[in-house]
Amino acid sequence: MNYEISIISYKRHKELPLKSLKFLKENNVPISLIRIFLQDEEELELYKETCGEEYNYHIHHQKGILATRNYQQDYYHNHTNLEHVVMMDDDVKSITKLGKPLDVSLTKILEYFATETVKRGAHLWGINALKNPYFMKDRISTNFKYCIGAFKGVILDRKHDVIFCDIDVYEDIQFTCEFFIQDGAVVRFDAYGIDTEYFSKGGICESLGGKQIRLEKMLEHSVYMMDRYGDMVKKVNKPWGTDIKINWRFTKEDLN
């Protein structure tokens, strides 16, 4: 499959070359496979200084993660001839297998992820949100599991309409729900996990106006998600309020 690694970045021109780009470089991923989405020309100049001018930079002129994610979805679905896109956050330190460093090249793993997803009739794949081997198993699952936005893949099948989100917090949970509704499956590679820093400076928190505003939106959108998706999601009480999670007991039979 022909594919690209797509990174949305915002106000992390210093962090990106030290995290995601460093990880990709260490894993010998060709620069030609990497596209970096930036908000405007001012950001572009900063990123060129710290990351280098050789990357494929893409100015999107969107405000906020909701509009930017939808732009990304539309761009790959309607304006490329690619078959597969890997969507990666800008602060990923590494991908591990059962808590250990990868023993196969990352490009081979990404091709494997795409091939196995197609075999199972699905269009979305994901990995574990953490790198703790205690929560990992060497298996491929197709039941309803959370596919984190920080590192996921979409098989670009133009026979289906492009899937958009309408919230800017929990958007990756919403994408997981929508792809499961479409296909009756999402593919999770449960042996693989991600090393990243959630709620770190820049990125979503910065685009929303800070961590506190993000937490408030999480509470607001958790109510919306439960109203819209019913038994597909479940409420989880946290010290700061209400959170929302995928209900892994929900099955494709429940869609009928």
C-alpha atoms as a PDB file:
ATOM      1  CA  MET A   1       0.000   0.000   0.000  1.00  0.00           C
ATOM      2  CA  ASN A   2       1.165   3.517  -0.718  1.00  0.00           C
ATOM      3  CA  TYR A   3       0.898   5.631   2.418  1.00  0.00           C
ATOM      4  CA  GLU A   4       2.094   8.663   4.345  1.00  0.00           C
ATOM      5  CA  ILE A   5       2.793   9.454   7.995  1.00  0.00           C
ATOM      6  CA  SER A   6       0.752  12.530   8.844  1.00  0.00           C
ATOM      7  CA  ILE A   7       1.697  14.716  11.815  1.00  0.00           C
ATOM      8  CA  ILE A   8      -0.433  17.627  13.011  1.00  0.00           C
ATOM      9  CA  SER A   9       1.675  19.994  15.083  1.00  0.00           C
ATOM     10  CA  TYR A  10       0.918  23.248  16.887  1.00  0.00           C
ATOM     11  CA  LYS A  11       3.376  25.389  18.860  1.00  0.00           C
ATOM     12  CA  ARG A  12       5.757  22.498  19.309  1.00  0.00           C
ATOM     13  CA  HIS A  13       8.507  23.456  16.884  1.00  0.00           C
ATOM     14  CA  LYS A  14      11.125  22.745  19.556  1.00  0.00           C
ATOM     15  CA  GLU A  15       9.581  19.477  20.755  1.00  0.00           C
ATOM     16  CA  LEU A  16       8.808  17.883  17.368  1.00  0.00           C
ATOM     17  CA  PRO A  17      12.437  17.299  16.267  1.00  0.00           C
ATOM     18  CA  LEU A  18      13.278  15.891  19.707  1.00  0.00           C
ATOM     19  CA  LYS A  19      10.354  13.474  19.865  1.00  0.00           C
ATOM     20  CA  SER A  20       8.317  12.235  16.872  1.00  0.00           C
ATOM     21  CA  LEU A  21      10.811  13.194  14.166  1.00  0.00           C
ATOM     22  CA  LYS A  22      13.682  11.786  16.217  1.00  0.00           C
ATOM     23  CA  PHE A  23      11.791   8.521  16.661  1.00  0.00           C
ATOM     24  CA  LEU A  24      11.046   8.288  12.925  1.00  0.00           C
ATOM     25  CA  LYS A  25      14.636   9.121  12.005  1.00  0.00           C
ATOM     26  CA  GLU A  26      16.016   6.511  14.406  1.00  0.00           C
ATOM     27  CA  ASN A  27      13.729   3.978  12.717  1.00  0.00           C
ATOM     28  CA  ASN A  28      14.997   4.929   9.245  1.00  0.00           C
ATOM     29  CA  VAL A  29      11.656   6.238   8.003  1.00  0.00           C
ATOM     30  CA  PRO A  30      12.273   8.199   4.773  1.00  0.00           C
ATOM     31  CA  ILE A  31      11.519  11.915   5.010  1.00  0.00           C
ATOM     32  CA  SER A  32       9.479  11.558   1.809  1.00  0.00           C
ATOM     33  CA  LEU A  33       6.881   9.553   3.797  1.00  0.00           C
ATOM     34  CA  ILE A  34       6.348  12.301   6.393  1.00  0.00           C
ATOM     35  CA  ARG A  35       3.937  15.229   6.022  1.00  0.00           C
ATOM     36  CA  ILE A  36       3.709  17.871   8.776  1.00  0.00           C
ATOM     37  CA  PHE A  37       0.475  19.859   9.036  1.00  0.00           C
ATOM     38  CA  LEU A  38       0.892  23.412  10.370  1.00  0.00           C
ATOM     39  CA  GLN A  39      -1.601  26.186  10.975  1.00  0.00           C
ATOM     40  CA  ASP A  40       0.001  29.114   9.155  1.00  0.00           C
ATOM     41  CA  GLU A  41       3.097  30.587   7.511  1.00  0.00           C
ATOM     42  CA  GLU A  42       4.378  31.995  10.806  1.00  0.00           C
ATOM     43  CA  GLU A  43       4.460  28.485  12.273  1.00  0.00           C
ATOM     44  CA  LEU A  44       6.094  27.207   9.087  1.00  0.00           C
ATOM     45  CA  GLU A  45       9.106  29.480   9.490  1.00  0.00           C
ATOM     46  CA  LEU A  46       9.621  28.346  13.094  1.00  0.00           C
ATOM     47  CA  TYR A  47       9.417  24.666  12.140  1.00  0.00           C
ATOM     48  CA  LYS A  48      11.802  25.057   9.220  1.00  0.00           C
ATOM     49  CA  GLU A  49      14.371  26.518  11.602  1.00  0.00           C
ATOM     50  CA  THR A  50      14.167  23.679  14.127  1.00  0.00           C
ATOM     51  CA  CYS A  51      13.165  20.654  12.020  1.00  0.00           C
ATOM     52  CA  GLY A  52      14.801  21.515   8.709  1.00  0.00           C
ATOM     53  CA  GLU A  53      13.456  22.553   5.331  1.00  0.00           C
ATOM     54  CA  GLU A  54      13.464  19.088   3.772  1.00  0.00           C
ATOM     55  CA  TYR A  55      10.143  17.909   5.225  1.00  0.00           C
ATOM     56  CA  ASN A  56       6.788  18.021   3.429  1.00  0.00           C
ATOM     57  CA  TYR A  57       5.060  20.892   5.226  1.00  0.00           C
ATOM     58  CA  HIS A  58       1.348  21.490   4.687  1.00  0.00           C
ATOM     59  CA  ILE A  59      -0.384  24.713   5.739  1.00  0.00           C
ATOM     60  CA  HIS A  60      -4.031  24.084   6.663  1.00  0.00           C
ATOM     61  CA  HIS A  61      -5.245  27.475   8.047  1.00  0.00           C
ATOM     62  CA  GLN A  62      -7.651  25.764  10.470  1.00  0.00           C
ATOM     63  CA  LYS A  63      -8.387  26.769  14.066  1.00  0.00           C
ATOM     64  CA  GLY A  64      -8.581  24.082  16.739  1.00  0.00           C
ATOM     65  CA  ILE A  65      -8.192  20.303  16.706  1.00  0.00           C
ATOM     66  CA  LEU A  66     -11.759  19.631  15.479  1.00  0.00           C
ATOM     67  CA  ALA A  67     -11.358  21.637  12.270  1.00  0.00           C
ATOM     68  CA  THR A  68      -7.784  20.436  11.815  1.00  0.00           C
ATOM     69  CA  ARG A  69      -8.644  16.741  12.213  1.00  0.00           C
ATOM     70  CA  ASN A  70     -11.518  17.110   9.757  1.00  0.00           C
ATOM     71  CA  TYR A  71      -9.244  18.901   7.300  1.00  0.00           C
ATOM     72  CA  GLN A  72      -6.751  16.042   7.640  1.00  0.00           C
ATOM     73  CA  GLN A  73      -9.490  13.445   7.051  1.00  0.00           C
ATOM     74  CA  ASP A  74     -10.810  15.297   3.993  1.00  0.00           C
ATOM     75  CA  TYR A  75      -7.348  15.915   2.558  1.00  0.00           C
ATOM     76  CA  TYR A  76      -6.335  12.257   2.524  1.00  0.00           C
ATOM     77  CA  HIS A  77      -9.737  10.933   1.503  1.00  0.00           C
ATOM     78  CA  ASN A  78     -10.549  13.392  -1.275  1.00  0.00           C
ATOM     79  CA  HIS A  79      -7.290  15.012  -2.384  1.00  0.00           C
ATOM     80  CA  THR A  80      -4.744  12.180  -2.565  1.00  0.00           C
ATOM     81  CA  ASN A  81      -4.499   8.804  -4.252  1.00  0.00           C
ATOM     82  CA  LEU A  82      -2.965   7.179  -1.175  1.00  0.00           C
ATOM     83  CA  GLU A  83      -4.415   3.938   0.144  1.00  0.00           C
ATOM     84  CA  HIS A  84      -3.361   4.293   3.780  1.00  0.00           C
ATOM     85  CA  VAL A  85      -2.465   7.130   6.142  1.00  0.00           C
ATOM     86  CA  VAL A  86      -0.761   6.840   9.524  1.00  0.00           C
ATOM     87  CA  MET A  87      -1.818   9.693  11.823  1.00  0.00           C
ATOM     88  CA  MET A  88       0.757  10.452  14.473  1.00  0.00           C
ATOM     89  CA  ASP A  89       0.993  13.075  17.233  1.00  0.00           C
ATOM     90  CA  ASP A  90       3.982  15.386  17.360  1.00  0.00           C
ATOM     91  CA  ASP A  91       5.214  14.282  20.806  1.00  0.00           C
ATOM     92  CA  VAL A  92       5.592  10.515  20.385  1.00  0.00           C
ATOM     93  CA  LYS A  93       8.823   9.275  21.949  1.00  0.00           C
ATOM     94  CA  SER A  94       8.611   5.671  20.798  1.00  0.00           C
ATOM     95  CA  ILE A  95       6.435   2.705  19.879  1.00  0.00           C
ATOM     96  CA  THR A  96       7.100  -0.500  21.778  1.00  0.00           C
ATOM     97  CA  LYS A  97       6.080  -4.141  21.495  1.00  0.00           C
ATOM     98  CA  LEU A  98       5.192  -5.797  24.794  1.00  0.00           C
ATOM     99  CA  GLY A  99       7.090  -2.996  26.495  1.00  0.00           C
ATOM    100  CA  LYS A 100      10.305  -3.583  24.535  1.00  0.00           C
ATOM    101  CA  PRO A 101      11.894  -1.719  21.587  1.00  0.00           C
ATOM    102  CA  LEU A 102      10.738  -2.735  18.123  1.00  0.00           C
ATOM    103  CA  ASP A 103      12.709  -5.619  16.625  1.00  0.00           C
ATOM    104  CA  VAL A 104      11.407  -5.069  13.080  1.00  0.00           C
ATOM    105  CA  SER A 105      11.629  -1.878  11.023  1.00  0.00           C
ATOM    106  CA  LEU A 106       8.811   0.584  11.617  1.00  0.00           C
ATOM    107  CA  THR A 107       7.933   0.731   7.910  1.00  0.00           C
ATOM    108  CA  LYS A 108       7.454  -3.046   7.842  1.00  0.00           C
ATOM    109  CA  ILE A 109       5.268  -2.830  10.943  1.00  0.00           C
ATOM    110  CA  LEU A 110       3.109  -0.100   9.395  1.00  0.00           C
ATOM    111  CA  GLU A 111       2.691  -2.131   6.223  1.00  0.00           C
ATOM    112  CA  TYR A 112       1.773  -5.137   8.375  1.00  0.00           C
ATOM    113  CA  PHE A 113      -0.811  -3.074  10.289  1.00  0.00           C
ATOM    114  CA  ALA A 114      -2.447  -1.932   7.049  1.00  0.00           C
ATOM    115  CA  THR A 115      -2.473  -5.396   5.451  1.00  0.00           C
ATOM    116  CA  GLU A 116      -3.977  -7.080   8.507  1.00  0.00           C
ATOM    117  CA  THR A 117      -6.625  -4.360   8.816  1.00  0.00           C
ATOM    118  CA  VAL A 118      -7.733  -4.845   5.209  1.00  0.00           C
ATOM    119  CA  LYS A 119      -7.866  -8.634   5.724  1.00  0.00           C
ATOM    120  CA  ARG A 120     -10.369  -8.081   8.509  1.00  0.00           C
ATOM    121  CA  GLY A 121     -12.626  -5.785   6.482  1.00  0.00           C
ATOM    122  CA  ALA A 122     -11.910  -2.735   8.641  1.00  0.00           C
ATOM    123  CA  HIS A 123     -10.629   0.756   7.902  1.00  0.00           C
ATOM    124  CA  LEU A 124      -9.252   1.925  11.266  1.00  0.00           C
ATOM    125  CA  TRP A 125      -6.373   0.441  13.254  1.00  0.00           C
ATOM    126  CA  GLY A 126      -4.859   1.452  16.552  1.00  0.00           C
ATOM    127  CA  ILE A 127      -2.481   0.446  19.324  1.00  0.00           C
ATOM    128  CA  ASN A 128      -2.435   0.666  23.127  1.00  0.00           C
ATOM    129  CA  ALA A 129      -2.575   4.114  24.721  1.00  0.00           C
ATOM    130  CA  LEU A 130       0.238   3.112  27.094  1.00  0.00           C
ATOM    131  CA  LYS A 131       3.448   1.089  26.941  1.00  0.00           C
ATOM    132  CA  ASN A 132       2.930  -1.002  30.083  1.00  0.00           C
ATOM    133  CA  PRO A 133       3.311  -4.693  29.106  1.00  0.00           C
ATOM    134  CA  TYR A 134       0.918  -5.662  31.911  1.00  0.00           C
ATOM    135  CA  PHE A 135      -1.945  -4.380  29.722  1.00  0.00           C
ATOM    136  CA  MET A 136      -0.664  -5.905  26.481  1.00  0.00           C
ATOM    137  CA  LYS A 137      -1.227  -9.214  24.741  1.00  0.00           C
ATOM    138  CA  ASP A 138       0.365 -10.487  21.545  1.00  0.00           C
ATOM    139  CA  ARG A 139      -2.852 -10.537  19.541  1.00  0.00           C
ATOM    140  CA  ILE A 140      -4.877  -8.691  16.944  1.00  0.00           C
ATOM    141  CA  SER A 141      -8.403  -7.844  18.050  1.00  0.00           C
ATOM    142  CA  THR A 142     -11.377  -6.611  16.040  1.00  0.00           C
ATOM    143  CA  ASN A 143     -13.846  -5.920  18.838  1.00  0.00           C
ATOM    144  CA  PHE A 144     -14.793  -2.441  19.994  1.00  0.00           C
ATOM    145  CA  LYS A 145     -11.604  -0.954  21.465  1.00  0.00           C
ATOM    146  CA  TYR A 146     -10.246   2.552  21.754  1.00  0.00           C
ATOM    147  CA  CYS A 147      -7.954   3.594  18.881  1.00  0.00           C
ATOM    148  CA  ILE A 148      -5.894   6.494  20.187  1.00  0.00           C
ATOM    149  CA  GLY A 149      -5.516   9.529  17.971  1.00  0.00           C
ATOM    150  CA  ALA A 150      -1.842   9.783  18.910  1.00  0.00           C
ATOM    151  CA  PHE A 151      -0.933   6.865  16.631  1.00  0.00           C
ATOM    152  CA  LYS A 152      -3.491   5.267  14.346  1.00  0.00           C
ATOM    153  CA  GLY A 153      -4.023   4.314  10.739  1.00  0.00           C
ATOM    154  CA  VAL A 154      -6.878   4.801   8.289  1.00  0.00           C
ATOM    155  CA  ILE A 155      -7.399   2.668   5.187  1.00  0.00           C
ATOM    156  CA  LEU A 156      -8.624   5.097   2.553  1.00  0.00           C
ATOM    157  CA  ASP A 157     -11.538   3.387   0.842  1.00  0.00           C
ATOM    158  CA  ARG A 158     -13.331   5.940  -1.352  1.00  0.00           C
ATOM    159  CA  LYS A 159     -16.383   3.659  -1.588  1.00  0.00           C
ATOM    160  CA  HIS A 160     -17.306   5.068   1.801  1.00  0.00           C
ATOM    161  CA  ASP A 161     -17.929   8.697   2.675  1.00  0.00           C
ATOM    162  CA  VAL A 162     -15.220  10.459   4.630  1.00  0.00           C
ATOM    163  CA  ILE A 163     -15.771  10.287   8.387  1.00  0.00           C
ATOM    164  CA  PHE A 164     -15.656  13.569  10.292  1.00  0.00           C
ATOM    165  CA  CYS A 165     -15.791  14.481  13.979  1.00  0.00           C
ATOM    166  CA  ASP A 166     -17.946  17.231  15.522  1.00  0.00           C
ATOM    167  CA  ILE A 167     -16.169  17.638  18.878  1.00  0.00           C
ATOM    168  CA  ASP A 168     -12.621  18.738  19.672  1.00  0.00           C
ATOM    169  CA  VAL A 169     -12.199  16.692  22.848  1.00  0.00           C
ATOM    170  CA  TYR A 170     -12.680  12.906  22.627  1.00  0.00           C
ATOM    171  CA  GLU A 171     -12.456  13.214  18.867  1.00  0.00           C
ATOM    172  CA  ASP A 172     -10.433   9.993  18.706  1.00  0.00           C
ATOM    173  CA  ILE A 173     -13.136   8.183  20.680  1.00  0.00           C
ATOM    174  CA  GLN A 174     -15.713   9.567  18.262  1.00  0.00           C
ATOM    175  CA  PHE A 175     -13.683   8.361  15.275  1.00  0.00           C
ATOM    176  CA  THR A 176     -13.447   4.927  16.905  1.00  0.00           C
ATOM    177  CA  CYS A 177     -17.227   4.863  17.315  1.00  0.00           C
ATOM    178  CA  GLU A 178     -17.915   5.995  13.764  1.00  0.00           C
ATOM    179  CA  PHE A 179     -15.536   3.492  12.141  1.00  0.00           C
ATOM    180  CA  PHE A 180     -17.006   0.689  14.259  1.00  0.00           C
ATOM    181  CA  ILE A 181     -20.519   1.721  13.183  1.00  0.00           C
ATOM    182  CA  GLN A 182     -19.374   1.684   9.541  1.00  0.00           C
ATOM    183  CA  ASP A 183     -17.413  -1.599   9.580  1.00  0.00           C
ATOM    184  CA  GLY A 184     -18.561  -3.519  12.651  1.00  0.00           C
ATOM    185  CA  ALA A 185     -14.880  -3.701  13.601  1.00  0.00           C
ATOM    186  CA  VAL A 186     -11.801  -1.679  14.432  1.00  0.00           C
ATOM    187  CA  VAL A 187      -8.424  -3.394  14.504  1.00  0.00           C
ATOM    188  CA  ARG A 188      -6.209  -3.119  17.578  1.00  0.00           C
ATOM    189  CA  PHE A 189      -2.661  -4.429  17.637  1.00  0.00           C
ATOM    190  CA  ASP A 190      -2.621  -5.165  21.342  1.00  0.00           C
ATOM    191  CA  ALA A 191       1.077  -6.021  21.602  1.00  0.00           C
ATOM    192  CA  TYR A 192       2.067  -2.494  20.618  1.00  0.00           C
ATOM    193  CA  GLY A 193       2.024   0.585  22.838  1.00  0.00           C
ATOM    194  CA  ILE A 194       2.991   4.242  22.716  1.00  0.00           C
ATOM    195  CA  ASP A 195       5.363   6.335  24.801  1.00  0.00           C
ATOM    196  CA  THR A 196       4.074   9.899  24.856  1.00  0.00           C
ATOM    197  CA  GLU A 197       3.131  12.681  27.274  1.00  0.00           C
ATOM    198  CA  TYR A 198      -0.586  13.393  27.494  1.00  0.00           C
ATOM    199  CA  PHE A 199      -1.661  16.962  28.373  1.00  0.00           C
ATOM    200  CA  SER A 200       1.818  18.308  27.595  1.00  0.00           C
ATOM    201  CA  LYS A 201       2.414  21.940  26.653  1.00  0.00           C
ATOM    202  CA  GLY A 202       1.351  22.922  23.144  1.00  0.00           C
ATOM    203  CA  GLY A 203      -0.843  20.762  20.911  1.00  0.00           C
ATOM    204  CA  ILE A 204      -4.508  20.328  21.861  1.00  0.00           C
ATOM    205  CA  CYS A 205      -4.181  22.011  25.254  1.00  0.00           C
ATOM    206  CA  GLU A 206      -2.634  25.094  23.670  1.00  0.00           C
ATOM    207  CA  SER A 207      -5.169  25.270  20.840  1.00  0.00           C
ATOM    208  CA  LEU A 208      -8.058  25.108  23.328  1.00  0.00           C
ATOM    209  CA  GLY A 209      -6.626  27.808  25.570  1.00  0.00           C
ATOM    210  CA  GLY A 210      -4.976  25.712  28.269  1.00  0.00           C
ATOM    211  CA  LYS A 211      -5.291  22.514  30.287  1.00  0.00           C
ATOM    212  CA  GLN A 212      -8.153  23.789  32.467  1.00  0.00           C
ATOM    213  CA  ILE A 213     -10.329  24.636  29.461  1.00  0.00           C
ATOM    214  CA  ARG A 214      -9.554  21.209  28.008  1.00  0.00           C
ATOM    215  CA  LEU A 215     -10.714  19.550  31.238  1.00  0.00           C
ATOM    216  CA  GLU A 216     -13.936  21.601  31.189  1.00  0.00           C
ATOM    217  CA  LYS A 217     -14.589  20.560  27.586  1.00  0.00           C
ATOM    218  CA  MET A 218     -13.999  16.933  28.528  1.00  0.00           C
ATOM    219  CA  LEU A 219     -16.821  17.199  31.041  1.00  0.00           C
ATOM    220  CA  GLU A 220     -19.137  18.951  28.556  1.00  0.00           C
ATOM    221  CA  HIS A 221     -18.412  16.569  25.701  1.00  0.00           C
ATOM    222  CA  SER A 222     -18.745  13.472  27.850  1.00  0.00           C
ATOM    223  CA  VAL A 223     -22.446  14.311  28.211  1.00  0.00           C
ATOM    224  CA  TYR A 224     -22.747  14.781  24.437  1.00  0.00           C
ATOM    225  CA  MET A 225     -20.995  11.489  23.698  1.00  0.00           C
ATOM    226  CA  MET A 226     -23.291   9.542  26.023  1.00  0.00           C
ATOM    227  CA  ASP A 227     -26.366  11.175  24.457  1.00  0.00           C
ATOM    228  CA  ARG A 228     -25.184  10.452  20.912  1.00  0.00           C
ATOM    229  CA  TYR A 229     -23.627   6.985  21.228  1.00  0.00           C
ATOM    230  CA  GLY A 230     -25.563   5.475  24.118  1.00  0.00           C
ATOM    231  CA  ASP A 231     -24.229   2.076  25.155  1.00  0.00           C
ATOM    232  CA  MET A 232     -21.141   2.411  22.949  1.00  0.00           C
ATOM    233  CA  VAL A 233     -19.513   4.609  25.570  1.00  0.00           C
ATOM    234  CA  LYS A 234     -19.554   4.661  29.342  1.00  0.00           C
ATOM    235  CA  LYS A 235     -19.154   7.320  32.001  1.00  0.00           C
ATOM    236  CA  VAL A 236     -16.121   7.168  34.262  1.00  0.00           C
ATOM    237  CA  ASN A 237     -15.903   9.302  37.380  1.00  0.00           C
ATOM    238  CA  LYS A 238     -12.569  11.037  37.877  1.00  0.00           C
ATOM    239  CA  PRO A 239     -11.397  13.421  40.639  1.00  0.00           C
ATOM    240  CA  TRP A 240     -12.044  16.423  38.365  1.00  0.00           C
ATOM    241  CA  GLY A 241     -15.452  15.276  37.044  1.00  0.00           C
ATOM    242  CA  THR A 242     -16.883  13.016  34.335  1.00  0.00           C
ATOM    243  CA  ASP A 243     -14.747  11.241  31.760  1.00  0.00           C
ATOM    244  CA  ILE A 244     -15.871   9.014  28.882  1.00  0.00           C
ATOM    245  CA  LYS A 245     -14.485   5.703  27.670  1.00  0.00           C
ATOM    246  CA  ILE A 246     -15.187   3.075  25.038  1.00  0.00           C
ATOM    247  CA  ASN A 247     -17.540   0.349  26.271  1.00  0.00           C
ATOM    248  CA  TRP A 248     -15.579  -2.720  25.144  1.00  0.00           C
ATOM    249  CA  ARG A 249     -18.572  -4.958  25.891  1.00  0.00           C
ATOM    250  CA  PHE A 250     -20.466  -3.353  22.993  1.00  0.00           C
ATOM    251  CA  THR A 251     -20.517  -5.696  19.964  1.00  0.00           C
ATOM    252  CA  LYS A 252     -21.363  -5.391  16.293  1.00  0.00           C
ATOM    253  CA  GLU A 253     -24.568  -7.316  17.007  1.00  0.00           C
ATOM    254  CA  ASP A 254     -25.598  -4.419  19.225  1.00  0.00           C
ATOM    255  CA  LEU A 255     -25.513  -2.135  16.184  1.00  0.00           C
ATOM    256  CA  ASN A 256     -28.632  -3.814  14.764  1.00  0.00           C
END
